[in-house]
Amino acid sequence: MKNWVGKFIHNCIAHPLMCFLPKKWGESFHDWTIEKFWPPKHRITWDHKQDIIYLDGQATGREE
């Protein structure tokens, strides 16, 4: 049921509102619906000063 409600709010409310809201508000609401109904399983961050990518707080290698 949560998946159906999430799809409805995201596709039938958030997408159409993006045309009428200021760009920052529309994108923020759109992204909020995604995070609210389908939260990410992992958190990925990048330290641009040291060029290190972190997955859930653990440094990961690039394997280049």
C-alpha atoms as a PDB file:
ATOM      1  CA  MET A   1       0.000   0.000   0.000  1.00  0.00           C
ATOM      2  CA  LYS A   2       2.856   2.390   0.858  1.00  0.00           C
ATOM      3  CA  ASN A   3       4.325   1.812  -2.592  1.00  0.00           C
ATOM      4  CA  TRP A   4       0.987   2.664  -4.282  1.00  0.00           C
ATOM      5  CA  VAL A   5       0.538   5.828  -2.199  1.00  0.00           C
ATOM      6  CA  GLY A   6       4.126   6.831  -2.920  1.00  0.00           C
ATOM      7  CA  LYS A   7       3.674   6.345  -6.659  1.00  0.00           C
ATOM      8  CA  PHE A   8       0.450   8.364  -6.591  1.00  0.00           C
ATOM      9  CA  ILE A   9       1.936  11.288  -4.654  1.00  0.00           C
ATOM     10  CA  HIS A  10       5.157  11.264  -6.665  1.00  0.00           C
ATOM     11  CA  ASN A  11       3.658  10.893 -10.151  1.00  0.00           C
ATOM     12  CA  CYS A  12       0.262  12.593  -9.809  1.00  0.00           C
ATOM     13  CA  ILE A  13       1.127  15.418  -7.422  1.00  0.00           C
ATOM     14  CA  ALA A  14       4.877  16.112  -7.341  1.00  0.00           C
ATOM     15  CA  HIS A  15       5.534  15.936 -11.088  1.00  0.00           C
ATOM     16  CA  PRO A  16       2.675  18.272 -12.119  1.00  0.00           C
ATOM     17  CA  LEU A  17       3.513  20.722  -9.316  1.00  0.00           C
ATOM     18  CA  MET A  18       7.073  21.058 -10.605  1.00  0.00           C
ATOM     19  CA  CYS A  19       5.681  23.085 -13.523  1.00  0.00           C
ATOM     20  CA  PHE A  20       4.050  25.653 -11.233  1.00  0.00           C
ATOM     21  CA  LEU A  21       6.331  25.905  -8.199  1.00  0.00           C
ATOM     22  CA  PRO A  22       9.589  27.855  -8.192  1.00  0.00           C
ATOM     23  CA  LYS A  23      12.368  25.589  -9.475  1.00  0.00           C
ATOM     24  CA  LYS A  24      14.038  25.081  -6.083  1.00  0.00           C
ATOM     25  CA  TRP A  25      10.730  24.257  -4.336  1.00  0.00           C
ATOM     26  CA  GLY A  26       9.603  21.905  -7.098  1.00  0.00           C
ATOM     27  CA  GLU A  27      12.860  19.964  -7.128  1.00  0.00           C
ATOM     28  CA  SER A  28      12.928  19.854  -3.332  1.00  0.00           C
ATOM     29  CA  PHE A  29       9.369  18.474  -3.119  1.00  0.00           C
ATOM     30  CA  HIS A  30      10.074  15.980  -5.904  1.00  0.00           C
ATOM     31  CA  ASP A  31      13.211  14.726  -4.138  1.00  0.00           C
ATOM     32  CA  TRP A  32      11.394  14.624  -0.784  1.00  0.00           C
ATOM     33  CA  THR A  33       8.738  12.273  -2.175  1.00  0.00           C
ATOM     34  CA  ILE A  34      11.457   9.912  -3.420  1.00  0.00           C
ATOM     35  CA  GLU A  35      13.318   9.925  -0.081  1.00  0.00           C
ATOM     36  CA  LYS A  36      10.089   9.587   1.937  1.00  0.00           C
ATOM     37  CA  PHE A  37       8.628   6.596   0.095  1.00  0.00           C
ATOM     38  CA  TRP A  38      11.796   4.932  -1.243  1.00  0.00           C
ATOM     39  CA  PRO A  39      14.653   5.769   1.137  1.00  0.00           C
ATOM     40  CA  PRO A  40      18.143   5.019  -0.148  1.00  0.00           C
ATOM     41  CA  LYS A  41      19.696   1.802   1.102  1.00  0.00           C
ATOM     42  CA  HIS A  42      23.205   3.278   1.186  1.00  0.00           C
ATOM     43  CA  ARG A  43      24.684   6.743   1.727  1.00  0.00           C
ATOM     44  CA  ILE A  44      27.395   7.763  -0.709  1.00  0.00           C
ATOM     45  CA  THR A  45      29.521  10.856  -0.071  1.00  0.00           C
ATOM     46  CA  TRP A  46      32.594  12.307  -1.744  1.00  0.00           C
ATOM     47  CA  ASP A  47      35.419  14.252  -0.119  1.00  0.00           C
ATOM     48  CA  HIS A  48      36.418  16.518  -3.000  1.00  0.00           C
ATOM     49  CA  LYS A  49      39.542  17.791  -1.248  1.00  0.00           C
ATOM     50  CA  GLN A  50      41.076  14.337  -0.833  1.00  0.00           C
ATOM     51  CA  ASP A  51      39.177  12.719  -3.732  1.00  0.00           C
ATOM     52  CA  ILE A  52      37.859   9.884  -1.560  1.00  0.00           C
ATOM     53  CA  ILE A  53      34.471   8.232  -2.004  1.00  0.00           C
ATOM     54  CA  TYR A  54      32.700   6.952   1.108  1.00  0.00           C
ATOM     55  CA  LEU A  55      29.975   4.311   1.180  1.00  0.00           C
ATOM     56  CA  ASP A  56      28.066   4.386   4.484  1.00  0.00           C
ATOM     57  CA  GLY A  57      31.020   6.176   6.122  1.00  0.00           C
ATOM     58  CA  GLN A  58      33.647   3.675   4.912  1.00  0.00           C
ATOM     59  CA  ALA A  59      36.245   4.741   2.363  1.00  0.00           C
ATOM     60  CA  THR A  60      36.001   2.736  -0.831  1.00  0.00           C
ATOM     61  CA  GLY A  61      38.710   2.204  -3.438  1.00  0.00           C
ATOM     62  CA  ARG A  62      38.446   3.168  -7.062  1.00  0.00           C
ATOM     63  CA  GLU A  63      40.214   0.020  -8.256  1.00  0.00           C
ATOM     64  CA  GLU A  64      41.785   1.801 -11.200  1.00  0.00           C
END
